[in-house]
């Protein structure tokens, strides 16, 4: 057996501070041990860290957007099979889902008109991407330019 380890354990069992742990030569200290070997182990409680990021309320976003637009003109998308295509999943305001096939060159305004044809008479806003952002049809961006290829689009009523 290791004599240094044996003297360490002997000092602990006798309630003295082992020389390896004492800061000053000749300093007297007491060691008190509590035998908990018969108790089941309890892990220490988890420490929770508060959220450290920034947040935005839904009200902030709603106040920054313009007033509700009237329902757009309804028009079906006309697909040109010779051009590159994409499939969009559109979740309508009533919770139903529609798969819409469109060309990369179709505009956001054309997509909005197509959704208006699916839900006539409903004043709505489209959101797409992640995190979902309002799609503005006035910009006349193509689906490709707007980064909406193979995306999920959400229709919310105004």
N, C-alpha and C. Protein backbone atom coordinates (compact mmCIF):
# COMPACT_ATOMS: atom_id res chain seq x y z
N UNK A 1 0.82 -1.18 0.00
CA UNK A 1 0.00 0.00 0.00
C UNK A 1 0.86 1.25 0.00
N UNK A 2 0.31 2.30 -0.55
CA UNK A 2 0.98 3.59 -0.66
C UNK A 2 1.00 4.25 0.72
N UNK A 3 2.20 4.52 1.24
CA UNK A 3 2.31 5.07 2.60
C UNK A 3 1.79 6.51 2.65
N UNK A 4 1.98 7.31 1.55
CA UNK A 4 1.49 8.68 1.54
C UNK A 4 -0.04 8.67 1.56
N UNK A 5 -0.64 7.80 0.78
CA UNK A 5 -2.10 7.69 0.75
C UNK A 5 -2.64 7.17 2.07
N UNK A 6 -1.91 6.26 2.69
CA UNK A 6 -2.34 5.71 3.98
C UNK A 6 -2.31 6.79 5.05
N UNK A 7 -1.26 7.63 5.06
CA UNK A 7 -1.20 8.69 6.07
C UNK A 7 -2.29 9.73 5.83
N UNK A 8 -2.61 10.02 4.57
CA UNK A 8 -3.68 10.95 4.23
C UNK A 8 -5.00 10.44 4.79
N UNK A 9 -5.32 9.16 4.52
CA UNK A 9 -6.58 8.58 4.98
C UNK A 9 -6.61 8.48 6.51
N UNK A 10 -5.49 8.17 7.12
CA UNK A 10 -5.44 8.10 8.58
C UNK A 10 -5.76 9.46 9.19
N UNK A 11 -5.16 10.53 8.63
CA UNK A 11 -5.44 11.88 9.13
C UNK A 11 -6.92 12.22 8.95
N UNK A 12 -7.51 11.90 7.82
CA UNK A 12 -8.93 12.17 7.59
C UNK A 12 -9.79 11.42 8.60
N UNK A 13 -9.51 10.11 8.79
CA UNK A 13 -10.30 9.29 9.71
C UNK A 13 -10.17 9.76 11.15
N UNK A 14 -9.05 10.38 11.50
CA UNK A 14 -8.85 10.87 12.86
C UNK A 14 -9.34 12.31 13.03
N UNK A 15 -9.86 12.92 11.94
CA UNK A 15 -10.42 14.25 12.03
C UNK A 15 -9.40 15.36 11.93
N UNK A 16 -8.22 15.06 11.42
CA UNK A 16 -7.19 16.09 11.24
C UNK A 16 -7.09 16.45 9.77
N UNK A 17 -6.64 17.67 9.52
CA UNK A 17 -6.40 18.12 8.16
C UNK A 17 -5.11 17.50 7.65
N UNK A 18 -5.15 16.76 6.55
CA UNK A 18 -3.93 16.15 6.02
C UNK A 18 -2.91 17.23 5.64
N UNK A 19 -1.66 16.90 5.78
CA UNK A 19 -0.59 17.87 5.50
C UNK A 19 -0.63 18.32 4.04
N UNK A 20 -1.12 17.49 3.14
CA UNK A 20 -1.21 17.87 1.73
C UNK A 20 -2.19 19.03 1.51
N UNK A 21 -3.14 19.20 2.40
CA UNK A 21 -4.16 20.22 2.23
C UNK A 21 -3.91 21.46 3.10
N UNK A 22 -2.98 21.40 4.00
CA UNK A 22 -2.77 22.56 4.88
C UNK A 22 -1.94 23.61 4.16
N UNK A 23 -2.32 24.87 4.37
CA UNK A 23 -1.66 25.98 3.69
C UNK A 23 -0.38 26.38 4.41
N UNK A 24 -0.41 26.35 5.73
CA UNK A 24 0.75 26.76 6.51
C UNK A 24 1.28 25.58 7.32
N UNK A 25 2.58 25.54 7.50
CA UNK A 25 3.20 24.50 8.32
C UNK A 25 2.76 24.68 9.76
N UNK A 26 2.34 23.61 10.37
CA UNK A 26 1.99 23.64 11.78
C UNK A 26 0.63 24.23 12.08
N UNK A 27 -0.14 24.64 11.09
CA UNK A 27 -1.46 25.20 11.35
C UNK A 27 -2.40 24.08 11.75
N UNK A 28 -3.19 24.32 12.79
CA UNK A 28 -4.13 23.31 13.28
C UNK A 28 -5.50 23.56 12.65
N UNK A 29 -6.10 22.54 12.14
CA UNK A 29 -7.45 22.62 11.59
C UNK A 29 -8.17 21.34 11.91
N UNK A 30 -9.47 21.40 12.01
CA UNK A 30 -10.28 20.21 12.24
C UNK A 30 -10.96 19.83 10.95
N UNK A 31 -11.16 18.55 10.77
CA UNK A 31 -11.88 18.02 9.62
C UNK A 31 -13.10 17.29 10.17
N UNK A 32 -14.27 17.65 9.67
CA UNK A 32 -15.50 17.00 10.09
C UNK A 32 -16.11 16.29 8.89
N UNK A 33 -16.33 15.00 9.03
CA UNK A 33 -16.91 14.20 7.95
C UNK A 33 -18.30 13.75 8.36
N UNK A 34 -19.19 13.74 7.39
CA UNK A 34 -20.52 13.22 7.62
C UNK A 34 -20.69 12.04 6.67
N UNK A 35 -20.93 10.88 7.26
CA UNK A 35 -21.07 9.66 6.46
C UNK A 35 -22.47 9.62 5.85
N UNK A 36 -22.54 9.78 4.56
CA UNK A 36 -23.81 9.72 3.84
C UNK A 36 -23.84 8.54 2.89
N UNK A 37 -22.99 7.57 3.14
CA UNK A 37 -22.91 6.43 2.23
C UNK A 37 -24.17 5.58 2.25
N UNK A 38 -24.98 5.67 3.31
CA UNK A 38 -26.21 4.89 3.38
C UNK A 38 -27.38 5.58 2.71
N UNK A 39 -27.23 6.84 2.30
CA UNK A 39 -28.33 7.58 1.67
C UNK A 39 -28.25 7.47 0.15
N UNK A 40 -29.42 7.47 -0.52
CA UNK A 40 -29.38 7.46 -2.00
C UNK A 40 -28.87 8.81 -2.51
N UNK A 41 -28.20 8.75 -3.64
CA UNK A 41 -27.62 9.96 -4.22
C UNK A 41 -28.71 10.88 -4.76
N UNK A 42 -28.59 12.16 -4.44
CA UNK A 42 -29.49 13.17 -4.99
C UNK A 42 -28.63 14.13 -5.80
N UNK A 43 -28.97 14.26 -7.09
CA UNK A 43 -28.18 15.17 -7.93
C UNK A 43 -28.51 16.61 -7.54
N UNK A 44 -27.55 17.51 -7.69
CA UNK A 44 -27.81 18.91 -7.34
C UNK A 44 -28.86 19.50 -8.27
N UNK A 45 -29.63 20.48 -7.79
CA UNK A 45 -30.67 21.05 -8.66
C UNK A 45 -30.04 21.77 -9.85
N UNK A 46 -30.73 21.70 -10.97
CA UNK A 46 -30.24 22.36 -12.19
C UNK A 46 -30.36 23.86 -12.02
N UNK A 47 -29.33 24.55 -12.44
CA UNK A 47 -29.39 26.01 -12.38
C UNK A 47 -29.94 26.52 -13.70
N UNK A 48 -30.96 27.32 -13.63
CA UNK A 48 -31.60 27.84 -14.83
C UNK A 48 -30.99 29.18 -15.19
N UNK A 49 -30.70 29.34 -16.47
CA UNK A 49 -30.17 30.61 -16.95
C UNK A 49 -31.32 31.38 -17.60
N UNK A 50 -31.50 32.63 -17.25
CA UNK A 50 -32.56 33.40 -17.90
C UNK A 50 -32.22 33.63 -19.37
N UNK A 51 -33.26 33.84 -20.16
CA UNK A 51 -33.07 34.09 -21.58
C UNK A 51 -32.24 35.35 -21.76
N UNK A 52 -31.16 35.26 -22.54
CA UNK A 52 -30.25 36.38 -22.70
C UNK A 52 -30.39 37.09 -24.03
N UNK A 53 -31.27 36.61 -24.89
CA UNK A 53 -31.40 37.22 -26.22
C UNK A 53 -32.39 38.37 -26.23
N UNK A 54 -32.67 38.82 -27.43
CA UNK A 54 -33.64 39.90 -27.60
C UNK A 54 -34.97 39.30 -28.01
N UNK A 55 -36.03 39.99 -27.70
CA UNK A 55 -37.34 39.52 -28.07
C UNK A 55 -38.15 40.62 -28.72
N UNK A 56 -39.16 40.20 -29.46
CA UNK A 56 -40.09 41.15 -30.06
C UNK A 56 -41.48 40.63 -29.81
N UNK A 57 -42.39 41.50 -29.55
CA UNK A 57 -43.77 41.08 -29.39
C UNK A 57 -44.45 41.10 -30.75
N UNK A 58 -45.53 40.38 -30.83
CA UNK A 58 -46.29 40.37 -32.08
C UNK A 58 -46.91 41.75 -32.30
N UNK A 59 -47.19 42.45 -31.25
CA UNK A 59 -47.77 43.79 -31.36
C UNK A 59 -46.80 44.74 -32.04
N UNK A 60 -45.48 44.61 -31.74
CA UNK A 60 -44.48 45.47 -32.37
C UNK A 60 -44.54 45.34 -33.89
N UNK A 61 -44.63 44.11 -34.36
CA UNK A 61 -44.63 43.86 -35.79
C UNK A 61 -45.92 44.35 -36.43
N UNK A 62 -47.03 44.18 -35.72
CA UNK A 62 -48.32 44.58 -36.28
C UNK A 62 -48.40 46.10 -36.41
N UNK A 63 -47.82 46.81 -35.44
CA UNK A 63 -47.90 48.27 -35.51
C UNK A 63 -47.01 48.84 -36.61
N UNK A 64 -45.95 48.11 -36.98
CA UNK A 64 -45.06 48.62 -38.01
C UNK A 64 -45.57 48.35 -39.43
N UNK A 65 -46.51 47.41 -39.56
CA UNK A 65 -47.02 47.12 -40.91
C UNK A 65 -48.10 48.12 -41.28
N UNK A 66 -48.35 48.23 -42.57
CA UNK A 66 -49.35 49.18 -43.04
C UNK A 66 -50.75 48.65 -42.76
N UNK A 67 -51.74 49.45 -43.02
CA UNK A 67 -53.12 49.03 -42.76
C UNK A 67 -53.49 47.88 -43.68
N UNK A 68 -54.55 47.20 -43.31
CA UNK A 68 -54.96 46.01 -44.06
C UNK A 68 -55.30 46.38 -45.51
N UNK A 69 -54.73 45.62 -46.41
CA UNK A 69 -54.96 45.87 -47.83
C UNK A 69 -56.27 45.21 -48.25
N UNK A 70 -56.94 45.75 -49.23
CA UNK A 70 -58.16 45.11 -49.72
C UNK A 70 -57.77 43.80 -50.41
N UNK A 71 -58.73 42.89 -50.54
CA UNK A 71 -58.40 41.62 -51.20
C UNK A 71 -57.86 41.87 -52.61
N UNK A 72 -56.77 41.21 -52.97
CA UNK A 72 -56.21 41.41 -54.31
C UNK A 72 -57.09 40.77 -55.37
N UNK A 73 -56.85 41.19 -56.61
CA UNK A 73 -57.58 40.59 -57.73
C UNK A 73 -57.24 39.11 -57.81
N UNK A 74 -58.26 38.29 -57.99
CA UNK A 74 -58.06 36.84 -58.05
C UNK A 74 -57.68 36.42 -59.47
N UNK A 75 -56.63 35.63 -59.58
CA UNK A 75 -56.21 35.10 -60.88
C UNK A 75 -55.40 33.84 -60.66
N UNK A 76 -55.74 32.79 -61.40
CA UNK A 76 -55.01 31.53 -61.32
C UNK A 76 -53.62 31.68 -61.92
N UNK A 77 -52.66 30.94 -61.37
CA UNK A 77 -51.31 30.92 -61.95
C UNK A 77 -51.33 30.08 -63.21
N UNK A 78 -50.68 30.53 -64.26
CA UNK A 78 -50.56 29.76 -65.49
C UNK A 78 -49.13 29.21 -65.52
N UNK A 79 -49.02 27.89 -65.46
CA UNK A 79 -47.73 27.23 -65.36
C UNK A 79 -47.14 26.98 -66.75
N UNK A 80 -45.88 27.35 -66.93
CA UNK A 80 -45.16 27.08 -68.17
C UNK A 80 -44.19 25.93 -67.88
N UNK A 81 -44.55 24.72 -68.34
CA UNK A 81 -43.77 23.51 -68.05
C UNK A 81 -42.35 23.56 -68.63
N UNK A 82 -42.12 24.41 -69.62
CA UNK A 82 -40.78 24.48 -70.23
C UNK A 82 -39.81 25.30 -69.36
N UNK A 83 -40.35 26.04 -68.40
CA UNK A 83 -39.52 26.86 -67.50
C UNK A 83 -39.31 26.11 -66.18
N UNK A 84 -38.28 26.49 -65.40
CA UNK A 84 -38.07 25.84 -64.09
C UNK A 84 -39.29 26.04 -63.18
N UNK A 85 -39.66 24.98 -62.46
CA UNK A 85 -40.84 25.05 -61.59
C UNK A 85 -40.46 24.77 -60.14
N UNK A 86 -41.34 25.15 -59.25
CA UNK A 86 -41.20 24.88 -57.83
C UNK A 86 -42.57 24.54 -57.28
N UNK A 87 -42.60 23.85 -56.16
CA UNK A 87 -43.86 23.54 -55.50
C UNK A 87 -43.88 24.26 -54.17
N UNK A 88 -44.93 25.02 -53.93
CA UNK A 88 -45.10 25.76 -52.68
C UNK A 88 -46.24 25.13 -51.91
N UNK A 89 -46.06 25.05 -50.60
CA UNK A 89 -47.17 24.59 -49.76
C UNK A 89 -47.80 25.84 -49.16
N UNK A 90 -49.06 26.04 -49.45
CA UNK A 90 -49.78 27.22 -48.95
C UNK A 90 -50.75 26.76 -47.88
N UNK A 91 -50.58 27.28 -46.66
CA UNK A 91 -51.52 26.99 -45.58
C UNK A 91 -52.52 28.13 -45.53
N UNK A 92 -53.76 27.83 -45.84
CA UNK A 92 -54.81 28.85 -45.91
C UNK A 92 -55.31 29.22 -44.52
N UNK A 93 -56.03 30.34 -44.45
CA UNK A 93 -56.49 30.87 -43.17
C UNK A 93 -57.40 29.90 -42.42
N UNK A 94 -58.08 29.00 -43.13
CA UNK A 94 -58.97 28.04 -42.47
C UNK A 94 -58.25 26.78 -42.01
N UNK A 95 -56.92 26.74 -42.20
CA UNK A 95 -56.12 25.59 -41.75
C UNK A 95 -55.86 24.56 -42.82
N UNK A 96 -56.56 24.64 -43.96
CA UNK A 96 -56.32 23.67 -45.03
C UNK A 96 -55.01 23.99 -45.75
N UNK A 97 -54.47 23.00 -46.44
CA UNK A 97 -53.21 23.17 -47.15
C UNK A 97 -53.41 22.89 -48.63
N UNK A 98 -52.76 23.70 -49.44
CA UNK A 98 -52.81 23.52 -50.89
C UNK A 98 -51.38 23.49 -51.42
N UNK A 99 -51.10 22.58 -52.34
CA UNK A 99 -49.82 22.56 -53.02
C UNK A 99 -49.98 23.35 -54.31
N UNK A 100 -49.13 24.34 -54.49
CA UNK A 100 -49.21 25.22 -55.66
C UNK A 100 -47.93 25.04 -56.47
N UNK A 101 -48.10 24.66 -57.73
CA UNK A 101 -46.95 24.56 -58.63
C UNK A 101 -46.81 25.88 -59.36
N UNK A 102 -45.60 26.44 -59.34
CA UNK A 102 -45.37 27.74 -59.96
C UNK A 102 -44.01 27.75 -60.64
N UNK A 103 -43.85 28.68 -61.57
CA UNK A 103 -42.54 28.89 -62.20
C UNK A 103 -41.69 29.79 -61.31
N UNK A 104 -40.38 29.64 -61.42
CA UNK A 104 -39.46 30.50 -60.67
C UNK A 104 -39.70 31.97 -61.01
N UNK A 105 -40.18 32.23 -62.22
CA UNK A 105 -40.35 33.60 -62.70
C UNK A 105 -41.68 34.23 -62.28
N UNK A 106 -42.59 33.46 -61.68
CA UNK A 106 -43.83 34.06 -61.19
C UNK A 106 -43.49 35.05 -60.08
N UNK A 107 -44.29 36.11 -59.98
CA UNK A 107 -44.02 37.13 -58.96
C UNK A 107 -44.82 36.85 -57.69
N UNK A 108 -44.42 37.53 -56.63
CA UNK A 108 -45.14 37.42 -55.36
C UNK A 108 -46.58 37.92 -55.55
N UNK A 109 -46.75 38.96 -56.36
CA UNK A 109 -48.10 39.49 -56.63
C UNK A 109 -48.96 38.44 -57.33
N UNK A 110 -48.38 37.69 -58.28
CA UNK A 110 -49.13 36.64 -58.96
C UNK A 110 -49.51 35.52 -57.99
N UNK A 111 -48.59 35.19 -57.06
CA UNK A 111 -48.89 34.18 -56.05
C UNK A 111 -50.04 34.66 -55.16
N UNK A 112 -49.99 35.93 -54.77
CA UNK A 112 -51.05 36.48 -53.93
C UNK A 112 -52.39 36.45 -54.67
N UNK A 113 -52.39 36.76 -55.97
CA UNK A 113 -53.61 36.71 -56.77
C UNK A 113 -54.14 35.28 -56.85
N UNK A 114 -53.22 34.31 -56.95
CA UNK A 114 -53.63 32.90 -57.01
C UNK A 114 -54.28 32.48 -55.69
N UNK A 115 -53.68 32.88 -54.58
CA UNK A 115 -54.25 32.54 -53.26
C UNK A 115 -55.61 33.23 -53.10
N UNK A 116 -55.75 34.44 -53.64
CA UNK A 116 -57.03 35.14 -53.59
C UNK A 116 -58.10 34.35 -54.36
N UNK A 117 -57.68 33.68 -55.45
CA UNK A 117 -58.62 32.86 -56.22
C UNK A 117 -59.04 31.62 -55.42
N UNK A 118 -58.14 31.13 -54.55
CA UNK A 118 -58.45 29.96 -53.72
C UNK A 118 -59.40 30.33 -52.58
N UNK A 119 -59.32 31.59 -52.11
CA UNK A 119 -60.16 32.05 -50.99
C UNK A 119 -60.82 33.38 -51.37
N UNK A 120 -61.83 33.36 -52.22
CA UNK A 120 -62.44 34.61 -52.71
C UNK A 120 -63.09 35.41 -51.59
N UNK A 121 -62.93 36.74 -51.67
CA UNK A 121 -63.57 37.66 -50.74
C UNK A 121 -62.88 37.81 -49.40
N UNK A 122 -61.75 37.16 -49.20
CA UNK A 122 -61.05 37.23 -47.91
C UNK A 122 -59.91 38.23 -48.01
N UNK A 123 -59.86 39.14 -47.07
CA UNK A 123 -58.74 40.09 -47.00
C UNK A 123 -57.63 39.39 -46.21
N UNK A 124 -56.44 39.26 -46.79
CA UNK A 124 -55.40 38.46 -46.15
C UNK A 124 -54.02 39.02 -46.41
N UNK A 125 -53.07 38.43 -45.69
CA UNK A 125 -51.64 38.73 -45.85
C UNK A 125 -50.94 37.39 -46.00
N UNK A 126 -49.90 37.33 -46.83
CA UNK A 126 -49.11 36.12 -46.97
C UNK A 126 -47.79 36.29 -46.23
N UNK A 127 -47.34 35.20 -45.61
CA UNK A 127 -46.05 35.18 -44.92
C UNK A 127 -45.27 33.98 -45.44
N UNK A 128 -43.97 34.17 -45.62
CA UNK A 128 -43.16 33.07 -46.11
C UNK A 128 -41.74 33.14 -45.59
N UNK A 129 -41.01 32.04 -45.75
CA UNK A 129 -39.63 31.96 -45.28
C UNK A 129 -39.57 31.54 -43.83
N UNK A 130 -38.35 31.51 -43.30
CA UNK A 130 -38.19 31.20 -41.88
C UNK A 130 -37.22 32.17 -41.27
N UNK A 131 -37.59 32.85 -40.22
CA UNK A 131 -38.94 32.90 -39.67
C UNK A 131 -39.88 33.60 -40.65
N UNK A 132 -41.17 33.26 -40.60
CA UNK A 132 -42.10 33.82 -41.58
C UNK A 132 -42.14 35.34 -41.55
N UNK A 133 -41.98 35.95 -42.73
CA UNK A 133 -42.01 37.41 -42.87
C UNK A 133 -43.12 37.76 -43.85
N UNK A 134 -43.74 38.92 -43.67
CA UNK A 134 -44.80 39.33 -44.60
C UNK A 134 -44.25 39.46 -46.02
N UNK A 135 -45.02 38.96 -46.98
CA UNK A 135 -44.64 39.07 -48.39
C UNK A 135 -45.33 40.28 -48.98
N UNK A 136 -44.56 41.20 -49.53
CA UNK A 136 -45.14 42.41 -50.12
C UNK A 136 -45.24 42.24 -51.62
N UNK A 137 -46.46 42.18 -52.15
CA UNK A 137 -46.64 41.99 -53.59
C UNK A 137 -46.25 43.22 -54.40
N UNK A 138 -46.18 44.38 -53.77
CA UNK A 138 -45.89 45.60 -54.52
C UNK A 138 -44.44 45.63 -55.03
N UNK A 139 -43.56 44.85 -54.43
CA UNK A 139 -42.15 44.85 -54.83
C UNK A 139 -41.94 44.18 -56.19
N UNK A 140 -42.90 43.39 -56.63
CA UNK A 140 -42.82 42.66 -57.90
C UNK A 140 -41.58 41.79 -58.01
N UNK A 141 -41.18 41.20 -56.92
CA UNK A 141 -40.06 40.25 -56.96
C UNK A 141 -40.57 38.91 -57.46
N UNK A 142 -39.68 38.18 -58.16
CA UNK A 142 -40.05 36.83 -58.56
C UNK A 142 -39.94 35.94 -57.33
N UNK A 143 -40.52 34.74 -57.43
CA UNK A 143 -40.44 33.80 -56.31
C UNK A 143 -38.99 33.46 -56.01
N UNK A 144 -38.18 33.35 -57.06
CA UNK A 144 -36.76 33.04 -56.86
C UNK A 144 -36.05 34.19 -56.15
N UNK A 145 -36.29 35.42 -56.59
CA UNK A 145 -35.65 36.60 -55.97
C UNK A 145 -36.08 36.77 -54.52
N UNK A 146 -37.32 36.40 -54.22
CA UNK A 146 -37.85 36.54 -52.86
C UNK A 146 -37.41 35.38 -51.96
N UNK A 147 -36.71 34.38 -52.53
CA UNK A 147 -36.23 33.23 -51.74
C UNK A 147 -37.36 32.31 -51.31
N UNK A 148 -38.38 32.16 -52.17
CA UNK A 148 -39.55 31.38 -51.79
C UNK A 148 -39.65 30.03 -52.50
N UNK A 149 -38.60 29.60 -53.17
CA UNK A 149 -38.66 28.32 -53.88
C UNK A 149 -38.79 27.19 -52.88
N UNK A 150 -39.75 26.30 -53.10
CA UNK A 150 -40.03 25.14 -52.25
C UNK A 150 -40.31 25.53 -50.79
N UNK A 151 -40.88 26.69 -50.58
CA UNK A 151 -41.15 27.17 -49.23
C UNK A 151 -42.59 26.88 -48.82
N UNK A 152 -42.84 27.09 -47.55
CA UNK A 152 -44.19 27.02 -46.99
C UNK A 152 -44.69 28.45 -46.84
N UNK A 153 -45.86 28.72 -47.35
CA UNK A 153 -46.46 30.06 -47.33
C UNK A 153 -47.71 29.98 -46.43
N UNK A 154 -47.87 30.98 -45.57
CA UNK A 154 -49.00 31.00 -44.65
C UNK A 154 -49.90 32.19 -44.98
N UNK A 155 -51.20 31.93 -45.08
CA UNK A 155 -52.18 32.99 -45.33
C UNK A 155 -52.81 33.33 -43.98
N UNK A 156 -52.77 34.61 -43.61
CA UNK A 156 -53.44 35.04 -42.37
C UNK A 156 -54.39 36.16 -42.72
N UNK A 157 -55.58 36.13 -42.11
CA UNK A 157 -56.58 37.14 -42.41
C UNK A 157 -56.23 38.45 -41.73
N UNK A 158 -56.64 39.54 -42.35
CA UNK A 158 -56.38 40.88 -41.80
C UNK A 158 -57.53 41.33 -40.94
